[in-house]
PDB file of N, CA and C in Angstrom:
ATOM      1  N   MET A   1       0.837  -1.160   0.000  1.00  0.00           N
ATOM      2  CA  MET A   1       0.000   0.000   0.000  1.00  0.00           C
ATOM      3  C   MET A   1       0.894   1.238   0.000  1.00  0.00           C
ATOM      4  N   ARG A   2       0.607   2.187  -0.830  1.00  0.00           N
ATOM      5  CA  ARG A   2       1.403   3.409  -0.893  1.00  0.00           C
ATOM      6  C   ARG A   2       1.050   4.334   0.260  1.00  0.00           C
ATOM      7  N   GLN A   3       2.079   4.928   0.799  1.00  0.00           N
ATOM      8  CA  GLN A   3       1.916   5.861   1.895  1.00  0.00           C
ATOM      9  C   GLN A   3       2.333   7.252   1.443  1.00  0.00           C
ATOM     10  N   LYS A   4       1.640   8.255   1.914  1.00  0.00           N
ATOM     11  CA  LYS A   4       2.044   9.618   1.634  1.00  0.00           C
ATOM     12  C   LYS A   4       3.281   9.931   2.480  1.00  0.00           C
ATOM     13  N   LYS A   5       4.283  10.535   1.857  1.00  0.00           N
ATOM     14  CA  LYS A   5       5.528  10.834   2.574  1.00  0.00           C
ATOM     15  C   LYS A   5       5.278  11.934   3.598  1.00  0.00           C
ATOM     16  N   ILE A   6       5.749  11.704   4.801  1.00  0.00           N
ATOM     17  CA  ILE A   6       5.645  12.674   5.882  1.00  0.00           C
ATOM     18  C   ILE A   6       7.016  13.320   6.039  1.00  0.00           C
ATOM     19  N   LYS A   7       7.094  14.635   5.894  1.00  0.00           N
ATOM     20  CA  LYS A   7       8.396  15.307   5.909  1.00  0.00           C
ATOM     21  C   LYS A   7       9.092  15.205   7.262  1.00  0.00           C
ATOM     22  N   ASP A   8       8.337  15.065   8.350  1.00  0.00           N
ATOM     23  CA  ASP A   8       8.942  14.971   9.680  1.00  0.00           C
ATOM     24  C   ASP A   8       9.377  13.554  10.050  1.00  0.00           C
ATOM     25  N   ALA A   9       9.123  12.589   9.185  1.00  0.00           N
ATOM     26  CA  ALA A   9       9.470  11.193   9.480  1.00  0.00           C
ATOM     27  C   ALA A   9      10.934  10.934   9.156  1.00  0.00           C
ATOM     28  N   THR A  10      11.815  11.673   9.814  1.00  0.00           N
ATOM     29  CA  THR A  10      13.249  11.507   9.608  1.00  0.00           C
ATOM     30  C   THR A  10      13.809  10.606  10.698  1.00  0.00           C
ATOM     31  N   ILE A  11      14.971  10.066  10.469  1.00  0.00           N
ATOM     32  CA  ILE A  11      15.613   9.203  11.459  1.00  0.00           C
ATOM     33  C   ILE A  11      15.824   9.955  12.770  1.00  0.00           C
ATOM     34  N   GLU A  12      16.231  11.202  12.680  1.00  0.00           N
ATOM     35  CA  GLU A  12      16.465  12.003  13.885  1.00  0.00           C
ATOM     36  C   GLU A  12      15.185  12.175  14.703  1.00  0.00           C
ATOM     37  N   ASN A  13      14.077  12.487  14.036  1.00  0.00           N
ATOM     38  CA  ASN A  13      12.810  12.655  14.748  1.00  0.00           C
ATOM     39  C   ASN A  13      12.305  11.341  15.321  1.00  0.00           C
ATOM     40  N   LEU A  14      12.493  10.247  14.593  1.00  0.00           N
ATOM     41  CA  LEU A  14      12.074   8.943  15.111  1.00  0.00           C
ATOM     42  C   LEU A  14      12.862   8.579  16.371  1.00  0.00           C
ATOM     43  N   GLU A  15      14.163   8.865  16.363  1.00  0.00           N
ATOM     44  CA  GLU A  15      14.977   8.585  17.547  1.00  0.00           C
ATOM     45  C   GLU A  15      14.525   9.430  18.732  1.00  0.00           C
ATOM     46  N   LYS A  16      14.174  10.693  18.482  1.00  0.00           N
ATOM     47  CA  LYS A  16      13.684  11.564  19.556  1.00  0.00           C
ATOM     48  C   LYS A  16      12.375  11.048  20.135  1.00  0.00           C
ATOM     49  N   LEU A  17      11.553  10.425  19.307  1.00  0.00           N
ATOM     50  CA  LEU A  17      10.269   9.882  19.755  1.00  0.00           C
ATOM     51  C   LEU A  17      10.415   8.524  20.439  1.00  0.00           C
ATOM     52  N   GLY A  18      11.619   7.969  20.443  1.00  0.00           N
ATOM     53  CA  GLY A  18      11.858   6.710  21.134  1.00  0.00           C
ATOM     54  C   GLY A  18      11.705   5.467  20.290  1.00  0.00           C
ATOM     55  N   VAL A  19      11.656   5.617  18.968  1.00  0.00           N
ATOM     56  CA  VAL A  19      11.530   4.459  18.086  1.00  0.00           C
ATOM     57  C   VAL A  19      12.884   3.760  17.991  1.00  0.00           C
ATOM     58  N   LEU A  20      12.890   2.441  18.149  1.00  0.00           N
ATOM     59  CA  LEU A  20      14.120   1.661  18.019  1.00  0.00           C
ATOM     60  C   LEU A  20      14.382   1.419  16.541  1.00  0.00           C
ATOM     61  N   LEU A  21      15.511   1.915  16.052  1.00  0.00           N
ATOM     62  CA  LEU A  21      15.801   1.829  14.622  1.00  0.00           C
ATOM     63  C   LEU A  21      16.770   0.716  14.267  1.00  0.00           C
ATOM     64  N   ALA A  22      17.396   0.116  15.237  1.00  0.00           N
ATOM     65  CA  ALA A  22      18.354  -0.952  14.982  1.00  0.00           C
ATOM     66  C   ALA A  22      18.015  -2.118  15.906  1.00  0.00           C
ATOM     67  N   PRO A  23      18.494  -3.304  15.577  1.00  0.00           N
ATOM     68  CA  PRO A  23      18.243  -4.430  16.482  1.00  0.00           C
ATOM     69  C   PRO A  23      18.737  -4.103  17.887  1.00  0.00           C
ATOM     70  N   THR A  24      17.823  -4.145  18.832  1.00  0.00           N
ATOM     71  CA  THR A  24      18.123  -3.783  20.212  1.00  0.00           C
ATOM     72  C   THR A  24      17.470  -4.813  21.122  1.00  0.00           C
ATOM     73  N   PRO A  25      18.210  -5.293  22.118  1.00  0.00           N
ATOM     74  CA  PRO A  25      17.578  -6.228  23.054  1.00  0.00           C
ATOM     75  C   PRO A  25      16.436  -5.543  23.803  1.00  0.00           C
ATOM     76  N   LEU A  26      15.310  -6.213  23.876  1.00  0.00           N
ATOM     77  CA  LEU A  26      14.153  -5.679  24.585  1.00  0.00           C
ATOM     78  C   LEU A  26      14.004  -6.379  25.920  1.00  0.00           C
ATOM     79  N   LYS A  27      13.727  -5.614  26.961  1.00  0.00           N
ATOM     80  CA  LYS A  27      13.422  -6.192  28.265  1.00  0.00           C
ATOM     81  C   LYS A  27      11.918  -6.094  28.446  1.00  0.00           C
ATOM     82  N   VAL A  28      11.280  -7.261  28.455  1.00  0.00           N
ATOM     83  CA  VAL A  28       9.820  -7.319  28.541  1.00  0.00           C
ATOM     84  C   VAL A  28       9.441  -8.195  29.722  1.00  0.00           C
ATOM     85  N   ASP A  29       8.434  -7.769  30.456  1.00  0.00           N
ATOM     86  CA  ASP A  29       7.920  -8.541  31.582  1.00  0.00           C
ATOM     87  C   ASP A  29       7.355  -9.862  31.056  1.00  0.00           C
ATOM     88  N   ALA A  30       7.978 -10.963  31.437  1.00  0.00           N
ATOM     89  CA  ALA A  30       7.598 -12.282  30.921  1.00  0.00           C
ATOM     90  C   ALA A  30       6.220 -12.728  31.407  1.00  0.00           C
ATOM     91  N   SER A  31       5.680 -12.076  32.421  1.00  0.00           N
ATOM     92  CA  SER A  31       4.371 -12.482  32.917  1.00  0.00           C
ATOM     93  C   SER A  31       3.229 -11.884  32.087  1.00  0.00           C
ATOM     94  N   LYS A  32       3.553 -10.963  31.180  1.00  0.00           N
ATOM     95  CA  LYS A  32       2.528 -10.338  30.348  1.00  0.00           C
ATOM     96  C   LYS A  32       2.424 -11.043  29.003  1.00  0.00           C
ATOM     97  N   LYS A  33       1.247 -10.988  28.417  1.00  0.00           N
ATOM     98  CA  LYS A  33       1.038 -11.525  27.080  1.00  0.00           C
ATOM     99  C   LYS A  33       1.716 -10.591  26.081  1.00  0.00           C
ATOM    100  N   ILE A  34       2.428 -11.165  25.112  1.00  0.00           N
ATOM    101  CA  ILE A  34       3.150 -10.381  24.119  1.00  0.00           C
ATOM    102  C   ILE A  34       2.566 -10.666  22.743  1.00  0.00           C
ATOM    103  N   THR A  35       2.251  -9.600  21.997  1.00  0.00           N
ATOM    104  CA  THR A  35       1.752  -9.721  20.631  1.00  0.00           C
ATOM    105  C   THR A  35       2.726  -9.043  19.705  1.00  0.00           C
ATOM    106  N   LEU A  36       3.192  -9.765  18.691  1.00  0.00           N
ATOM    107  CA  LEU A  36       4.143  -9.246  17.714  1.00  0.00           C
ATOM    108  C   LEU A  36       3.429  -9.085  16.385  1.00  0.00           C
ATOM    109  N   GLU A  37       3.548  -7.903  15.799  1.00  0.00           N
ATOM    110  CA  GLU A  37       2.965  -7.664  14.479  1.00  0.00           C
ATOM    111  C   GLU A  37       4.080  -7.197  13.555  1.00  0.00           C
ATOM    112  N   ILE A  38       4.284  -7.928  12.477  1.00  0.00           N
ATOM    113  CA  ILE A  38       5.323  -7.590  11.508  1.00  0.00           C
ATOM    114  C   ILE A  38       4.649  -6.990  10.286  1.00  0.00           C
ATOM    115  N   GLY A  39       5.125  -5.817   9.879  1.00  0.00           N
ATOM    116  CA  GLY A  39       4.505  -5.118   8.760  1.00  0.00           C
ATOM    117  C   GLY A  39       3.155  -4.581   9.179  1.00  0.00           C
ATOM    118  N   SER A  40       3.176  -3.563  10.018  1.00  0.00           N
ATOM    119  CA  SER A  40       1.950  -3.104  10.675  1.00  0.00           C
ATOM    120  C   SER A  40       1.043  -2.243   9.796  1.00  0.00           C
ATOM    121  N   GLY A  41       1.274  -2.211   8.498  1.00  0.00           N
ATOM    122  CA  GLY A  41       0.389  -1.448   7.609  1.00  0.00           C
ATOM    123  C   GLY A  41       0.405   0.026   7.952  1.00  0.00           C
ATOM    124  N   LYS A  42      -0.756   0.575   8.268  1.00  0.00           N
ATOM    125  CA  LYS A  42      -0.824   1.974   8.694  1.00  0.00           C
ATOM    126  C   LYS A  42      -0.804   2.111  10.202  1.00  0.00           C
ATOM    127  N   GLY A  43      -0.736   0.994  10.905  1.00  0.00           N
ATOM    128  CA  GLY A  43      -0.640   1.024  12.357  1.00  0.00           C
ATOM    129  C   GLY A  43      -1.960   1.124  13.089  1.00  0.00           C
ATOM    130  N   ARG A  44      -3.065   1.095  12.361  1.00  0.00           N
ATOM    131  CA  ARG A  44      -4.372   1.258  13.014  1.00  0.00           C
ATOM    132  C   ARG A  44      -4.743   0.054  13.878  1.00  0.00           C
ATOM    133  N   PHE A  45      -4.457  -1.145  13.371  1.00  0.00           N
ATOM    134  CA  PHE A  45      -4.856  -2.354  14.088  1.00  0.00           C
ATOM    135  C   PHE A  45      -4.099  -2.492  15.404  1.00  0.00           C
ATOM    136  N   ILE A  46      -2.779  -2.356  15.341  1.00  0.00           N
ATOM    137  CA  ILE A  46      -1.991  -2.550  16.566  1.00  0.00           C
ATOM    138  C   ILE A  46      -2.210  -1.424  17.564  1.00  0.00           C
ATOM    139  N   THR A  47      -2.442  -0.199  17.100  1.00  0.00           N
ATOM    140  CA  THR A  47      -2.700   0.888  18.046  1.00  0.00           C
ATOM    141  C   THR A  47      -4.060   0.726  18.714  1.00  0.00           C
ATOM    142  N   SER A  48      -5.052   0.242  17.975  1.00  0.00           N
ATOM    143  CA  SER A  48      -6.360   0.028  18.611  1.00  0.00           C
ATOM    144  C   SER A  48      -6.275  -1.105  19.632  1.00  0.00           C
ATOM    145  N   LEU A  49      -5.535  -2.165  19.323  1.00  0.00           N
ATOM    146  CA  LEU A  49      -5.350  -3.242  20.296  1.00  0.00           C
ATOM    147  C   LEU A  49      -4.605  -2.758  21.531  1.00  0.00           C
ATOM    148  N   ALA A  50      -3.552  -1.966  21.324  1.00  0.00           N
ATOM    149  CA  ALA A  50      -2.766  -1.461  22.449  1.00  0.00           C
ATOM    150  C   ALA A  50      -3.611  -0.562  23.347  1.00  0.00           C
ATOM    151  N   ASN A  51      -4.503   0.210  22.754  1.00  0.00           N
ATOM    152  CA  ASN A  51      -5.387   1.060  23.554  1.00  0.00           C
ATOM    153  C   ASN A  51      -6.452   0.251  24.283  1.00  0.00           C
ATOM    154  N   ASP A  52      -6.931  -0.827  23.665  1.00  0.00           N
ATOM    155  CA  ASP A  52      -7.970  -1.658  24.276  1.00  0.00           C
ATOM    156  C   ASP A  52      -7.422  -2.576  25.371  1.00  0.00           C
ATOM    157  N   PHE A  53      -6.163  -2.988  25.239  1.00  0.00           N
ATOM    158  CA  PHE A  53      -5.564  -3.930  26.188  1.00  0.00           C
ATOM    159  C   PHE A  53      -4.228  -3.377  26.699  1.00  0.00           C
ATOM    160  N   PRO A  54      -4.249  -2.340  27.542  1.00  0.00           N
ATOM    161  CA  PRO A  54      -3.006  -1.709  27.993  1.00  0.00           C
ATOM    162  C   PRO A  54      -2.127  -2.605  28.865  1.00  0.00           C
ATOM    163  N   GLU A  55      -2.702  -3.686  29.412  1.00  0.00           N
ATOM    164  CA  GLU A  55      -1.908  -4.571  30.263  1.00  0.00           C
ATOM    165  C   GLU A  55      -1.026  -5.522  29.456  1.00  0.00           C
ATOM    166  N   GLU A  56      -1.266  -5.621  28.151  1.00  0.00           N
ATOM    167  CA  GLU A  56      -0.473  -6.500  27.292  1.00  0.00           C
ATOM    168  C   GLU A  56       0.657  -5.721  26.623  1.00  0.00           C
ATOM    169  N   VAL A  57       1.643  -6.453  26.118  1.00  0.00           N
ATOM    170  CA  VAL A  57       2.786  -5.858  25.422  1.00  0.00           C
ATOM    171  C   VAL A  57       2.607  -6.079  23.928  1.00  0.00           C
ATOM    172  N   PHE A  58       2.663  -5.004  23.147  1.00  0.00           N
ATOM    173  CA  PHE A  58       2.527  -5.077  21.701  1.00  0.00           C
ATOM    174  C   PHE A  58       3.815  -4.576  21.063  1.00  0.00           C
ATOM    175  N   ILE A  59       4.372  -5.373  20.161  1.00  0.00           N
ATOM    176  CA  ILE A  59       5.599  -5.011  19.456  1.00  0.00           C
ATOM    177  C   ILE A  59       5.285  -4.998  17.962  1.00  0.00           C
ATOM    178  N   ALA A  60       5.565  -3.863  17.308  1.00  0.00           N
ATOM    179  CA  ALA A  60       5.345  -3.748  15.869  1.00  0.00           C
ATOM    180  C   ALA A  60       6.696  -3.607  15.181  1.00  0.00           C
ATOM    181  N   VAL A  61       6.899  -4.395  14.145  1.00  0.00           N
ATOM    182  CA  VAL A  61       8.113  -4.308  13.337  1.00  0.00           C
ATOM    183  C   VAL A  61       7.697  -3.734  11.990  1.00  0.00           C
ATOM    184  N   GLU A  62       8.268  -2.599  11.643  1.00  0.00           N
ATOM    185  CA  GLU A  62       7.851  -1.888  10.435  1.00  0.00           C
ATOM    186  C   GLU A  62       9.068  -1.284   9.747  1.00  0.00           C
ATOM    187  N   ARG A  63       9.116  -1.379   8.426  1.00  0.00           N
ATOM    188  CA  ARG A  63      10.220  -0.812   7.645  1.00  0.00           C
ATOM    189  C   ARG A  63       9.957   0.613   7.200  1.00  0.00           C
ATOM    190  N   ASP A  64       8.713   0.967   7.012  1.00  0.00           N
ATOM    191  CA  ASP A  64       8.374   2.270   6.458  1.00  0.00           C
ATOM    192  C   ASP A  64       8.496   3.365   7.533  1.00  0.00           C
ATOM    193  N   GLN A  65       9.315   4.375   7.272  1.00  0.00           N
ATOM    194  CA  GLN A  65       9.526   5.452   8.230  1.00  0.00           C
ATOM    195  C   GLN A  65       8.252   6.226   8.516  1.00  0.00           C
ATOM    196  N   ASN A  66       7.392   6.390   7.504  1.00  0.00           N
ATOM    197  CA  ASN A  66       6.147   7.124   7.703  1.00  0.00           C
ATOM    198  C   ASN A  66       5.239   6.419   8.702  1.00  0.00           C
ATOM    199  N   VAL A  67       5.133   5.101   8.591  1.00  0.00           N
ATOM    200  CA  VAL A  67       4.300   4.335   9.518  1.00  0.00           C
ATOM    201  C   VAL A  67       4.898   4.388  10.915  1.00  0.00           C
ATOM    202  N   CYS A  68       6.212   4.266  11.024  1.00  0.00           N
ATOM    203  CA  CYS A  68       6.866   4.371  12.331  1.00  0.00           C
ATOM    204  C   CYS A  68       6.563   5.705  12.979  1.00  0.00           C
ATOM    205  N   TYR A  69       6.602   6.749  12.187  1.00  0.00           N
ATOM    206  CA  TYR A  69       6.323   8.091  12.706  1.00  0.00           C
ATOM    207  C   TYR A  69       4.880   8.202  13.182  1.00  0.00           C
ATOM    208  N   ARG A  70       3.939   7.658  12.415  1.00  0.00           N
ATOM    209  CA  ARG A  70       2.532   7.685  12.823  1.00  0.00           C
ATOM    210  C   ARG A  70       2.320   6.930  14.134  1.00  0.00           C
ATOM    211  N   LEU A  71       2.944   5.743  14.247  1.00  0.00           N
ATOM    212  CA  LEU A  71       2.818   4.961  15.480  1.00  0.00           C
ATOM    213  C   LEU A  71       3.395   5.721  16.660  1.00  0.00           C
ATOM    214  N   ALA A  72       4.561   6.349  16.465  1.00  0.00           N
ATOM    215  CA  ALA A  72       5.201   7.082  17.555  1.00  0.00           C
ATOM    216  C   ALA A  72       4.372   8.297  17.962  1.00  0.00           C
ATOM    217  N   GLN A  73       3.713   8.939  17.015  1.00  0.00           N
ATOM    218  CA  GLN A  73       2.878  10.089  17.333  1.00  0.00           C
ATOM    219  C   GLN A  73       1.682   9.699  18.201  1.00  0.00           C
ATOM    220  N   LYS A  74       1.233   8.455  18.076  1.00  0.00           N
ATOM    221  CA  LYS A  74       0.088   7.991  18.861  1.00  0.00           C
ATOM    222  C   LYS A  74       0.485   7.603  20.271  1.00  0.00           C
ATOM    223  N   LYS A  75       1.773   7.616  20.566  1.00  0.00           N
ATOM    224  CA  LYS A  75       2.293   7.336  21.913  1.00  0.00           C
ATOM    225  C   LYS A  75       1.799   5.998  22.461  1.00  0.00           C
ATOM    226  N   VAL A  76       1.832   5.003  21.611  1.00  0.00           N
ATOM    227  CA  VAL A  76       1.350   3.689  22.024  1.00  0.00           C
ATOM    228  C   VAL A  76       2.432   2.911  22.761  1.00  0.00           C
ATOM    229  N   PHE A  77       3.682   3.204  22.462  1.00  0.00           N
ATOM    230  CA  PHE A  77       4.749   2.403  23.083  1.00  0.00           C
ATOM    231  C   PHE A  77       5.212   2.994  24.370  1.00  0.00           C
TER     232      PHE A  77
END
Protein backbone atom coordinates (compact mmCIF):
# COMPACT_ATOMS: atom_id res chain seq x y z
CA MET A 1 0.00 0.00 0.00
CA ARG A 2 1.40 3.41 -0.89
CA GLN A 3 1.92 5.86 1.89
CA LYS A 4 2.04 9.62 1.63
CA LYS A 5 5.53 10.83 2.57
CA ILE A 6 5.64 12.67 5.88
CA LYS A 7 8.40 15.31 5.91
CA ASP A 8 8.94 14.97 9.68
CA ALA A 9 9.47 11.19 9.48
CA THR A 10 13.25 11.51 9.61
CA ILE A 11 15.61 9.20 11.46
CA GLU A 12 16.47 12.00 13.88
CA ASN A 13 12.81 12.65 14.75
CA LEU A 14 12.07 8.94 15.11
CA GLU A 15 14.98 8.59 17.55
CA LYS A 16 13.68 11.56 19.56
CA LEU A 17 10.27 9.88 19.76
CA GLY A 18 11.86 6.71 21.13
CA VAL A 19 11.53 4.46 18.09
CA LEU A 20 14.12 1.66 18.02
CA LEU A 21 15.80 1.83 14.62
CA ALA A 22 18.35 -0.95 14.98
CA PRO A 23 18.24 -4.43 16.48
CA THR A 24 18.12 -3.78 20.21
CA PRO A 25 17.58 -6.23 23.05
CA LEU A 26 14.15 -5.68 24.59
CA LYS A 27 13.42 -6.19 28.27
CA VAL A 28 9.82 -7.32 28.54
CA ASP A 29 7.92 -8.54 31.58
CA ALA A 30 7.60 -12.28 30.92
CA SER A 31 4.37 -12.48 32.92
CA LYS A 32 2.53 -10.34 30.35
CA LYS A 33 1.04 -11.53 27.08
CA ILE A 34 3.15 -10.38 24.12
CA THR A 35 1.75 -9.72 20.63
CA LEU A 36 4.14 -9.25 17.71
CA GLU A 37 2.97 -7.66 14.48
CA ILE A 38 5.32 -7.59 11.51
CA GLY A 39 4.50 -5.12 8.76
CA SER A 40 1.95 -3.10 10.67
CA GLY A 41 0.39 -1.45 7.61
CA LYS A 42 -0.82 1.97 8.69
CA GLY A 43 -0.64 1.02 12.36
CA ARG A 44 -4.37 1.26 13.01
CA PHE A 45 -4.86 -2.35 14.09
CA ILE A 46 -1.99 -2.55 16.57
CA THR A 47 -2.70 0.89 18.05
CA SER A 48 -6.36 0.03 18.61
CA LEU A 49 -5.35 -3.24 20.30
CA ALA A 50 -2.77 -1.46 22.45
CA ASN A 51 -5.39 1.06 23.55
CA ASP A 52 -7.97 -1.66 24.28
CA PHE A 53 -5.56 -3.93 26.19
CA PRO A 54 -3.01 -1.71 27.99
CA GLU A 55 -1.91 -4.57 30.26
CA GLU A 56 -0.47 -6.50 27.29
CA VAL A 57 2.79 -5.86 25.42
CA PHE A 58 2.53 -5.08 21.70
CA ILE A 59 5.60 -5.01 19.46
CA ALA A 60 5.34 -3.75 15.87
CA VAL A 61 8.11 -4.31 13.34
CA GLU A 62 7.85 -1.89 10.43
CA ARG A 63 10.22 -0.81 7.65
CA ASP A 64 8.37 2.27 6.46
CA GLN A 65 9.53 5.45 8.23
CA ASN A 66 6.15 7.12 7.70
CA VAL A 67 4.30 4.33 9.52
CA CYS A 68 6.87 4.37 12.33
CA TYR A 69 6.32 8.09 12.71
CA ARG A 70 2.53 7.68 12.82
CA LEU A 71 2.82 4.96 15.48
CA ALA A 72 5.20 7.08 17.56
CA GLN A 73 2.88 10.09 17.33
CA LYS A 74 0.09 7.99 18.86
CA LYS A 75 2.29 7.34 21.91
CA VAL A 76 1.35 3.69 22.02
CA PHE A 77 4.75 2.40 23.08
